[in-house]
Amino acid sequence: MGIKVFFFKSKGCPQCQATAPAFNQVAETLKDKIQVNAIDIMEDMQTAIDNGVMSVPTIIIFRDNIELKRLNGIVSKDKLEKTIREFLEEPTAGR
C-alpha cells in the first residue's frame, strides 16, 4: 500500500484531542486505501525526531516513504480527507 498517514500527538494536548476524531473518521473511511499510524510523541519520541515533528498535532502523508504533505495544528475531517484523496488520485510517476 503506497499511502501512509502518520498522526503525531501527545496526551493532554487539547488540539490533538480536537483533531483525533477527524483522523479516526478518515482512517475508517479510507481503511482499504491507506495505512494509518497514530504516534504519541512521548512514547515514541525518536520517530517524531526522525520526521522533524516540532509541534503537535502534526499529520504527515507519505507515498512510498516520501513525504507528500504535512498538516500542522487542528485539521478538520473534510480537509484531511480531501488532502489524502488528492494524493490517492495522483498517478504514480514512472507507471
PDB file of N, CA and C in Angstrom:
ATOM      1  N   MET A   1       0.853  -1.188   0.000  1.00  0.00           N
ATOM      2  CA  MET A   1       0.000   0.000   0.000  1.00  0.00           C
ATOM      3  C   MET A   1       0.887   1.236   0.000  1.00  0.00           C
ATOM      4  N   GLY A   2       0.651   2.149  -0.905  1.00  0.00           N
ATOM      5  CA  GLY A   2       1.542   3.279  -1.082  1.00  0.00           C
ATOM      6  C   GLY A   2       1.368   4.427  -0.125  1.00  0.00           C
ATOM      7  N   ILE A   3       0.127   4.787   0.226  1.00  0.00           N
ATOM      8  CA  ILE A   3      -0.114   5.969   1.049  1.00  0.00           C
ATOM      9  C   ILE A   3      -0.161   5.582   2.525  1.00  0.00           C
ATOM     10  N   LYS A   4       0.668   6.296   3.314  1.00  0.00           N
ATOM     11  CA  LYS A   4       0.671   6.126   4.767  1.00  0.00           C
ATOM     12  C   LYS A   4       0.424   7.492   5.387  1.00  0.00           C
ATOM     13  N   VAL A   5      -0.370   7.519   6.440  1.00  0.00           N
ATOM     14  CA  VAL A   5      -0.687   8.761   7.130  1.00  0.00           C
ATOM     15  C   VAL A   5      -0.310   8.601   8.596  1.00  0.00           C
ATOM     16  N   PHE A   6       0.584   9.466   9.061  1.00  0.00           N
ATOM     17  CA  PHE A   6       1.026   9.436  10.450  1.00  0.00           C
ATOM     18  C   PHE A   6       0.412  10.628  11.179  1.00  0.00           C
ATOM     19  N   PHE A   7      -0.163  10.365  12.345  1.00  0.00           N
ATOM     20  CA  PHE A   7      -0.753  11.390  13.202  1.00  0.00           C
ATOM     21  C   PHE A   7       0.095  11.462  14.464  1.00  0.00           C
ATOM     22  N   PHE A   8       0.885  12.525  14.583  1.00  0.00           N
ATOM     23  CA  PHE A   8       1.718  12.732  15.762  1.00  0.00           C
ATOM     24  C   PHE A   8       0.925  13.555  16.763  1.00  0.00           C
ATOM     25  N   LYS A   9       0.839  13.037  17.991  1.00  0.00           N
ATOM     26  CA  LYS A   9       0.007  13.645  19.020  1.00  0.00           C
ATOM     27  C   LYS A   9       0.680  13.491  20.372  1.00  0.00           C
ATOM     28  N   SER A  10       0.038  14.060  21.387  1.00  0.00           N
ATOM     29  CA  SER A  10       0.521  13.921  22.752  1.00  0.00           C
ATOM     30  C   SER A  10      -0.676  13.918  23.697  1.00  0.00           C
ATOM     31  N   LYS A  11      -0.578  13.108  24.747  1.00  0.00           N
ATOM     32  CA  LYS A  11      -1.635  13.095  25.762  1.00  0.00           C
ATOM     33  C   LYS A  11      -1.714  14.479  26.399  1.00  0.00           C
ATOM     34  N   GLY A  12      -2.898  14.916  26.698  1.00  0.00           N
ATOM     35  CA  GLY A  12      -3.069  16.205  27.351  1.00  0.00           C
ATOM     36  C   GLY A  12      -3.006  17.390  26.409  1.00  0.00           C
ATOM     37  N   CYS A  13      -2.907  17.144  25.120  1.00  0.00           N
ATOM     38  CA  CYS A  13      -2.853  18.208  24.115  1.00  0.00           C
ATOM     39  C   CYS A  13      -4.274  18.460  23.604  1.00  0.00           C
ATOM     40  N   PRO A  14      -4.878  19.615  23.937  1.00  0.00           N
ATOM     41  CA  PRO A  14      -6.259  19.876  23.513  1.00  0.00           C
ATOM     42  C   PRO A  14      -6.428  19.884  21.991  1.00  0.00           C
ATOM     43  N   GLN A  15      -5.449  20.407  21.273  1.00  0.00           N
ATOM     44  CA  GLN A  15      -5.527  20.435  19.813  1.00  0.00           C
ATOM     45  C   GLN A  15      -5.487  19.019  19.242  1.00  0.00           C
ATOM     46  N   CYS A  16      -4.697  18.152  19.867  1.00  0.00           N
ATOM     47  CA  CYS A  16      -4.629  16.747  19.433  1.00  0.00           C
ATOM     48  C   CYS A  16      -5.969  16.065  19.668  1.00  0.00           C
ATOM     49  N   GLN A  17      -6.573  16.341  20.818  1.00  0.00           N
ATOM     50  CA  GLN A  17      -7.873  15.755  21.132  1.00  0.00           C
ATOM     51  C   GLN A  17      -8.943  16.257  20.172  1.00  0.00           C
ATOM     52  N   ALA A  18      -8.802  17.504  19.706  1.00  0.00           N
ATOM     53  CA  ALA A  18      -9.760  18.056  18.749  1.00  0.00           C
ATOM     54  C   ALA A  18      -9.581  17.439  17.361  1.00  0.00           C
ATOM     55  N   THR A  19      -8.357  17.072  17.015  1.00  0.00           N
ATOM     56  CA  THR A  19      -8.054  16.511  15.693  1.00  0.00           C
ATOM     57  C   THR A  19      -8.297  15.006  15.637  1.00  0.00           C
ATOM     58  N   ALA A  20      -8.169  14.312  16.750  1.00  0.00           N
ATOM     59  CA  ALA A  20      -8.269  12.844  16.774  1.00  0.00           C
ATOM     60  C   ALA A  20      -9.556  12.299  16.148  1.00  0.00           C
ATOM     61  N   PRO A  21     -10.739  12.855  16.440  1.00  0.00           N
ATOM     62  CA  PRO A  21     -11.946  12.301  15.811  1.00  0.00           C
ATOM     63  C   PRO A  21     -11.911  12.394  14.282  1.00  0.00           C
ATOM     64  N   ALA A  22     -11.407  13.498  13.751  1.00  0.00           N
ATOM     65  CA  ALA A  22     -11.299  13.653  12.293  1.00  0.00           C
ATOM     66  C   ALA A  22     -10.349  12.607  11.726  1.00  0.00           C
ATOM     67  N   PHE A  23      -9.213  12.428  12.375  1.00  0.00           N
ATOM     68  CA  PHE A  23      -8.236  11.435  11.924  1.00  0.00           C
ATOM     69  C   PHE A  23      -8.849  10.035  11.947  1.00  0.00           C
ATOM     70  N   ASN A  24      -9.521   9.703  13.039  1.00  0.00           N
ATOM     71  CA  ASN A  24     -10.121   8.369  13.173  1.00  0.00           C
ATOM     72  C   ASN A  24     -11.220   8.127  12.139  1.00  0.00           C
ATOM     73  N   GLN A  25     -12.024   9.147  11.868  1.00  0.00           N
ATOM     74  CA  GLN A  25     -13.093   9.003  10.875  1.00  0.00           C
ATOM     75  C   GLN A  25     -12.521   8.799   9.477  1.00  0.00           C
ATOM     76  N   VAL A  26     -11.507   9.576   9.130  1.00  0.00           N
ATOM     77  CA  VAL A  26     -10.884   9.436   7.806  1.00  0.00           C
ATOM     78  C   VAL A  26     -10.179   8.086   7.701  1.00  0.00           C
ATOM     79  N   ALA A  27      -9.527   7.671   8.770  1.00  0.00           N
ATOM     80  CA  ALA A  27      -8.860   6.363   8.771  1.00  0.00           C
ATOM     81  C   ALA A  27      -9.864   5.248   8.503  1.00  0.00           C
ATOM     82  N   GLU A  28     -11.033   5.341   9.109  1.00  0.00           N
ATOM     83  CA  GLU A  28     -12.072   4.327   8.899  1.00  0.00           C
ATOM     84  C   GLU A  28     -12.629   4.397   7.475  1.00  0.00           C
ATOM     85  N   THR A  29     -12.895   5.596   6.997  1.00  0.00           N
ATOM     86  CA  THR A  29     -13.451   5.776   5.653  1.00  0.00           C
ATOM     87  C   THR A  29     -12.511   5.240   4.574  1.00  0.00           C
ATOM     88  N   LEU A  30     -11.215   5.470   4.748  1.00  0.00           N
ATOM     89  CA  LEU A  30     -10.231   5.117   3.714  1.00  0.00           C
ATOM     90  C   LEU A  30      -9.397   3.891   4.083  1.00  0.00           C
ATOM     91  N   LYS A  31      -9.886   3.080   5.009  1.00  0.00           N
ATOM     92  CA  LYS A  31      -9.088   1.970   5.541  1.00  0.00           C
ATOM     93  C   LYS A  31      -8.597   0.992   4.488  1.00  0.00           C
ATOM     94  N   ASP A  32      -9.303   0.874   3.377  1.00  0.00           N
ATOM     95  CA  ASP A  32      -8.872  -0.047   2.319  1.00  0.00           C
ATOM     96  C   ASP A  32      -7.883   0.588   1.350  1.00  0.00           C
ATOM     97  N   LYS A  33      -7.620   1.894   1.525  1.00  0.00           N
ATOM     98  CA  LYS A  33      -6.769   2.602   0.569  1.00  0.00           C
ATOM     99  C   LYS A  33      -5.488   3.163   1.174  1.00  0.00           C
ATOM    100  N   ILE A  34      -5.467   3.310   2.505  1.00  0.00           N
ATOM    101  CA  ILE A  34      -4.305   3.908   3.166  1.00  0.00           C
ATOM    102  C   ILE A  34      -3.936   3.105   4.409  1.00  0.00           C
ATOM    103  N   GLN A  35      -2.699   3.310   4.857  1.00  0.00           N
ATOM    104  CA  GLN A  35      -2.263   2.805   6.160  1.00  0.00           C
ATOM    105  C   GLN A  35      -2.173   4.007   7.084  1.00  0.00           C
ATOM    106  N   VAL A  36      -2.604   3.840   8.319  1.00  0.00           N
ATOM    107  CA  VAL A  36      -2.553   4.937   9.276  1.00  0.00           C
ATOM    108  C   VAL A  36      -1.783   4.511  10.518  1.00  0.00           C
ATOM    109  N   ASN A  37      -1.210   5.502  11.172  1.00  0.00           N
ATOM    110  CA  ASN A  37      -0.450   5.241  12.379  1.00  0.00           C
ATOM    111  C   ASN A  37      -0.548   6.474  13.267  1.00  0.00           C
ATOM    112  N   ALA A  38      -1.123   6.333  14.454  1.00  0.00           N
ATOM    113  CA  ALA A  38      -1.166   7.407  15.438  1.00  0.00           C
ATOM    114  C   ALA A  38       0.009   7.210  16.389  1.00  0.00           C
ATOM    115  N   ILE A  39       0.815   8.240  16.537  1.00  0.00           N
ATOM    116  CA  ILE A  39       2.043   8.137  17.328  1.00  0.00           C
ATOM    117  C   ILE A  39       2.028   9.181  18.437  1.00  0.00           C
ATOM    118  N   ASP A  40       2.090   8.710  19.676  1.00  0.00           N
ATOM    119  CA  ASP A  40       2.231   9.610  20.818  1.00  0.00           C
ATOM    120  C   ASP A  40       3.713   9.962  20.926  1.00  0.00           C
ATOM    121  N   ILE A  41       4.029  11.237  20.795  1.00  0.00           N
ATOM    122  CA  ILE A  41       5.445  11.632  20.754  1.00  0.00           C
ATOM    123  C   ILE A  41       6.170  11.357  22.067  1.00  0.00           C
ATOM    124  N   MET A  42       5.435  11.264  23.169  1.00  0.00           N
ATOM    125  CA  MET A  42       6.082  10.967  24.440  1.00  0.00           C
ATOM    126  C   MET A  42       6.436   9.485  24.548  1.00  0.00           C
ATOM    127  N   GLU A  43       5.734   8.647  23.798  1.00  0.00           N
ATOM    128  CA  GLU A  43       6.010   7.212  23.809  1.00  0.00           C
ATOM    129  C   GLU A  43       6.976   6.804  22.705  1.00  0.00           C
ATOM    130  N   ASP A  44       7.046   7.583  21.639  1.00  0.00           N
ATOM    131  CA  ASP A  44       7.930   7.268  20.511  1.00  0.00           C
ATOM    132  C   ASP A  44       8.568   8.555  19.997  1.00  0.00           C
ATOM    133  N   MET A  45       9.369   9.159  20.866  1.00  0.00           N
ATOM    134  CA  MET A  45       9.996  10.432  20.542  1.00  0.00           C
ATOM    135  C   MET A  45      10.948  10.318  19.353  1.00  0.00           C
ATOM    136  N   GLN A  46      11.614   9.175  19.205  1.00  0.00           N
ATOM    137  CA  GLN A  46      12.582   9.018  18.120  1.00  0.00           C
ATOM    138  C   GLN A  46      11.916   9.130  16.749  1.00  0.00           C
ATOM    139  N   THR A  47      10.739   8.539  16.595  1.00  0.00           N
ATOM    140  CA  THR A  47      10.026   8.638  15.314  1.00  0.00           C
ATOM    141  C   THR A  47       9.641  10.085  15.038  1.00  0.00           C
ATOM    142  N   ALA A  48       9.225  10.809  16.072  1.00  0.00           N
ATOM    143  CA  ALA A  48       8.902  12.228  15.905  1.00  0.00           C
ATOM    144  C   ALA A  48      10.141  13.010  15.479  1.00  0.00           C
ATOM    145  N   ILE A  49      11.263  12.754  16.128  1.00  0.00           N
ATOM    146  CA  ILE A  49      12.517  13.431  15.781  1.00  0.00           C
ATOM    147  C   ILE A  49      12.929  13.086  14.358  1.00  0.00           C
ATOM    148  N   ASP A  50      12.869  11.809  14.014  1.00  0.00           N
ATOM    149  CA  ASP A  50      13.257  11.360  12.670  1.00  0.00           C
ATOM    150  C   ASP A  50      12.429  12.030  11.579  1.00  0.00           C
ATOM    151  N   ASN A  51      11.186  12.401  11.915  1.00  0.00           N
ATOM    152  CA  ASN A  51      10.291  13.025  10.938  1.00  0.00           C
ATOM    153  C   ASN A  51      10.204  14.542  11.083  1.00  0.00           C
ATOM    154  N   GLY A  52      11.057  15.109  11.924  1.00  0.00           N
ATOM    155  CA  GLY A  52      11.120  16.559  12.066  1.00  0.00           C
ATOM    156  C   GLY A  52       9.867  17.181  12.655  1.00  0.00           C
ATOM    157  N   VAL A  53       9.180  16.443  13.507  1.00  0.00           N
ATOM    158  CA  VAL A  53       7.962  16.963  14.130  1.00  0.00           C
ATOM    159  C   VAL A  53       8.362  17.948  15.224  1.00  0.00           C
ATOM    160  N   MET A  54       7.911  19.196  15.064  1.00  0.00           N
ATOM    161  CA  MET A  54       8.270  20.252  16.002  1.00  0.00           C
ATOM    162  C   MET A  54       7.109  20.645  16.916  1.00  0.00           C
ATOM    163  N   SER A  55       5.897  20.255  16.529  1.00  0.00           N
ATOM    164  CA  SER A  55       4.723  20.583  17.334  1.00  0.00           C
ATOM    165  C   SER A  55       3.646  19.532  17.077  1.00  0.00           C
ATOM    166  N   VAL A  56       2.688  19.478  17.991  1.00  0.00           N
ATOM    167  CA  VAL A  56       1.563  18.560  17.819  1.00  0.00           C
ATOM    168  C   VAL A  56       0.271  19.361  17.891  1.00  0.00           C
ATOM    169  N   PRO A  57      -0.753  18.916  17.202  1.00  0.00           N
ATOM    170  CA  PRO A  57      -0.781  17.762  16.316  1.00  0.00           C
ATOM    171  C   PRO A  57      -0.114  18.053  14.973  1.00  0.00           C
ATOM    172  N   THR A  58       0.516  17.025  14.434  1.00  0.00           N
ATOM    173  CA  THR A  58       1.084  17.072  13.090  1.00  0.00           C
ATOM    174  C   THR A  58       0.659  15.802  12.369  1.00  0.00           C
ATOM    175  N   ILE A  59       0.155  15.968  11.162  1.00  0.00           N
ATOM    176  CA  ILE A  59      -0.208  14.835  10.315  1.00  0.00           C
ATOM    177  C   ILE A  59       0.693  14.880   9.093  1.00  0.00           C
ATOM    178  N   ILE A  60       1.352  13.759   8.813  1.00  0.00           N
ATOM    179  CA  ILE A  60       2.242  13.673   7.652  1.00  0.00           C
ATOM    180  C   ILE A  60       1.736  12.568   6.739  1.00  0.00           C
ATOM    181  N   ILE A  61       1.635  12.901   5.457  1.00  0.00           N
ATOM    182  CA  ILE A  61       1.184  11.946   4.443  1.00  0.00           C
ATOM    183  C   ILE A  61       2.393  11.541   3.612  1.00  0.00           C
ATOM    184  N   PHE A  62       2.596  10.229   3.495  1.00  0.00           N
ATOM    185  CA  PHE A  62       3.720   9.674   2.739  1.00  0.00           C
ATOM    186  C   PHE A  62       3.211   8.802   1.598  1.00  0.00           C
ATOM    187  N   ARG A  63       3.968   8.752   0.526  1.00  0.00           N
ATOM    188  CA  ARG A  63       3.771   7.730  -0.511  1.00  0.00           C
ATOM    189  C   ARG A  63       5.135   7.091  -0.720  1.00  0.00           C
ATOM    190  N   ASP A  64       5.184   5.784  -0.576  1.00  0.00           N
ATOM    191  CA  ASP A  64       6.434   5.043  -0.754  1.00  0.00           C
ATOM    192  C   ASP A  64       7.576   5.675   0.043  1.00  0.00           C
ATOM    193  N   ASN A  65       7.274   6.034   1.298  1.00  0.00           N
ATOM    194  CA  ASN A  65       8.227   6.602   2.258  1.00  0.00           C
ATOM    195  C   ASN A  65       8.755   7.979   1.878  1.00  0.00           C
ATOM    196  N   ILE A  66       8.085   8.672   0.964  1.00  0.00           N
ATOM    197  CA  ILE A  66       8.440  10.049   0.607  1.00  0.00           C
ATOM    198  C   ILE A  66       7.327  10.958   1.127  1.00  0.00           C
ATOM    199  N   GLU A  67       7.723  11.990   1.889  1.00  0.00           N
ATOM    200  CA  GLU A  67       6.727  12.905   2.438  1.00  0.00           C
ATOM    201  C   GLU A  67       6.075  13.706   1.316  1.00  0.00           C
ATOM    202  N   LEU A  68       4.742  13.683   1.306  1.00  0.00           N
ATOM    203  CA  LEU A  68       3.975  14.424   0.311  1.00  0.00           C
ATOM    204  C   LEU A  68       3.390  15.704   0.879  1.00  0.00           C
ATOM    205  N   LYS A  69       2.943  15.642   2.136  1.00  0.00           N
ATOM    206  CA  LYS A  69       2.245  16.784   2.733  1.00  0.00           C
ATOM    207  C   LYS A  69       2.330  16.698   4.241  1.00  0.00           C
ATOM    208  N   ARG A  70       2.414  17.873   4.866  1.00  0.00           N
ATOM    209  CA  ARG A  70       2.456  17.977   6.322  1.00  0.00           C
ATOM    210  C   ARG A  70       1.381  18.973   6.746  1.00  0.00           C
ATOM    211  N   LEU A  71       0.538  18.557   7.668  1.00  0.00           N
ATOM    212  CA  LEU A  71      -0.521  19.412   8.197  1.00  0.00           C
ATOM    213  C   LEU A  71      -0.263  19.615   9.685  1.00  0.00           C
ATOM    214  N   ASN A  72      -0.095  20.869  10.090  1.00  0.00           N
ATOM    215  CA  ASN A  72       0.167  21.188  11.491  1.00  0.00           C
ATOM    216  C   ASN A  72      -1.055  21.854  12.105  1.00  0.00           C
ATOM    217  N   GLY A  73      -1.310  21.549  13.370  1.00  0.00           N
ATOM    218  CA  GLY A  73      -2.433  22.155  14.066  1.00  0.00           C
ATOM    219  C   GLY A  73      -3.714  21.367  13.859  1.00  0.00           C
ATOM    220  N   ILE A  74      -4.811  21.960  14.299  1.00  0.00           N
ATOM    221  CA  ILE A  74      -6.111  21.297  14.199  1.00  0.00           C
ATOM    222  C   ILE A  74      -6.502  21.170  12.732  1.00  0.00           C
ATOM    223  N   VAL A  75      -6.916  19.971  12.345  1.00  0.00           N
ATOM    224  CA  VAL A  75      -7.315  19.697  10.964  1.00  0.00           C
ATOM    225  C   VAL A  75      -8.722  19.102  10.982  1.00  0.00           C
ATOM    226  N   SER A  76      -9.584  19.631  10.128  1.00  0.00           N
ATOM    227  CA  SER A  76     -10.950  19.106  10.042  1.00  0.00           C
ATOM    228  C   SER A  76     -10.970  17.799   9.257  1.00  0.00           C
ATOM    229  N   LYS A  77     -12.018  17.029   9.465  1.00  0.00           N
ATOM    230  CA  LYS A  77     -12.205  15.781   8.729  1.00  0.00           C
ATOM    231  C   LYS A  77     -12.228  16.051   7.236  1.00  0.00           C
ATOM    232  N   ASP A  78     -12.989  17.062   6.820  1.00  0.00           N
ATOM    233  CA  ASP A  78     -13.118  17.359   5.389  1.00  0.00           C
ATOM    234  C   ASP A  78     -11.781  17.727   4.757  1.00  0.00           C
ATOM    235  N   LYS A  79     -11.012  18.575   5.442  1.00  0.00           N
ATOM    236  CA  LYS A  79      -9.715  18.977   4.889  1.00  0.00           C
ATOM    237  C   LYS A  79      -8.770  17.779   4.800  1.00  0.00           C
ATOM    238  N   LEU A  80      -8.728  16.974   5.849  1.00  0.00           N
ATOM    239  CA  LEU A  80      -7.833  15.823   5.857  1.00  0.00           C
ATOM    240  C   LEU A  80      -8.220  14.826   4.769  1.00  0.00           C
ATOM    241  N   GLU A  81      -9.500  14.515   4.683  1.00  0.00           N
ATOM    242  CA  GLU A  81      -9.944  13.545   3.679  1.00  0.00           C
ATOM    243  C   GLU A  81      -9.688  14.066   2.264  1.00  0.00           C
ATOM    244  N   LYS A  82      -9.978  15.337   2.021  1.00  0.00           N
ATOM    245  CA  LYS A  82      -9.749  15.927   0.694  1.00  0.00           C
ATOM    246  C   LYS A  82      -8.268  15.870   0.329  1.00  0.00           C
ATOM    247  N   THR A  83      -7.411  16.207   1.275  1.00  0.00           N
ATOM    248  CA  THR A  83      -5.969  16.192   1.022  1.00  0.00           C
ATOM    249  C   THR A  83      -5.487  14.788   0.687  1.00  0.00           C
ATOM    250  N   ILE A  84      -5.901  13.806   1.460  1.00  0.00           N
ATOM    251  CA  ILE A  84      -5.475  12.423   1.205  1.00  0.00           C
ATOM    252  C   ILE A  84      -6.014  11.937  -0.138  1.00  0.00           C
ATOM    253  N   ARG A  85      -7.272  12.228  -0.417  1.00  0.00           N
ATOM    254  CA  ARG A  85      -7.869  11.775  -1.685  1.00  0.00           C
ATOM    255  C   ARG A  85      -7.143  12.364  -2.896  1.00  0.00           C
ATOM    256  N   GLU A  86      -6.659  13.595  -2.783  1.00  0.00           N
ATOM    257  CA  GLU A  86      -5.897  14.191  -3.887  1.00  0.00           C
ATOM    258  C   GLU A  86      -4.669  13.342  -4.201  1.00  0.00           C
ATOM    259  N   PHE A  87      -4.011  12.846  -3.182  1.00  0.00           N
ATOM    260  CA  PHE A  87      -2.823  12.014  -3.403  1.00  0.00           C
ATOM    261  C   PHE A  87      -3.196  10.617  -3.882  1.00  0.00           C
ATOM    262  N   LEU A  88      -4.343  10.122  -3.466  1.00  0.00           N
ATOM    263  CA  LEU A  88      -4.791   8.814  -3.948  1.00  0.00           C
ATOM    264  C   LEU A  88      -5.112   8.861  -5.438  1.00  0.00           C
ATOM    265  N   GLU A  89      -5.563  10.020  -5.909  1.00  0.00           N
ATOM    266  CA  GLU A  89      -5.955  10.162  -7.306  1.00  0.00           C
ATOM    267  C   GLU A  89      -4.782  10.468  -8.229  1.00  0.00           C
ATOM    268  N   GLU A  90      -3.657  10.928  -7.663  1.00  0.00           N
ATOM    269  CA  GLU A  90      -2.489  11.239  -8.490  1.00  0.00           C
ATOM    270  C   GLU A  90      -1.904   9.965  -9.067  1.00  0.00           C
ATOM    271  N   PRO A  91      -1.567   9.983 -10.356  1.00  0.00           N
ATOM    272  CA  PRO A  91      -0.868   8.813 -10.913  1.00  0.00           C
ATOM    273  C   PRO A  91       0.534   8.726 -10.327  1.00  0.00           C
ATOM    274  N   THR A  92       0.999   7.525 -10.125  1.00  0.00           N
ATOM    275  CA  THR A  92       2.347   7.323  -9.606  1.00  0.00           C
ATOM    276  C   THR A  92       3.340   7.524 -10.740  1.00  0.00           C
ATOM    277  N   ALA A  93       4.365   8.310 -10.508  1.00  0.00           N
ATOM    278  CA  ALA A  93       5.377   8.582 -11.532  1.00  0.00           C
ATOM    279  C   ALA A  93       6.050   7.290 -11.958  1.00  0.00           C
ATOM    280  N   GLY A  94       6.314   7.167 -13.235  1.00  0.00           N
ATOM    281  CA  GLY A  94       7.035   6.008 -13.734  1.00  0.00           C
ATOM    282  C   GLY A  94       6.163   4.825 -14.077  1.00  0.00           C
ATOM    283  N   ARG A  95       4.852   4.948 -13.903  1.00  0.00           N
ATOM    284  CA  ARG A  95       3.953   3.826 -14.232  1.00  0.00           C
ATOM    285  C   ARG A  95       3.183   4.116 -15.484  1.00  0.00           C
TER     286      ARG A  95
END
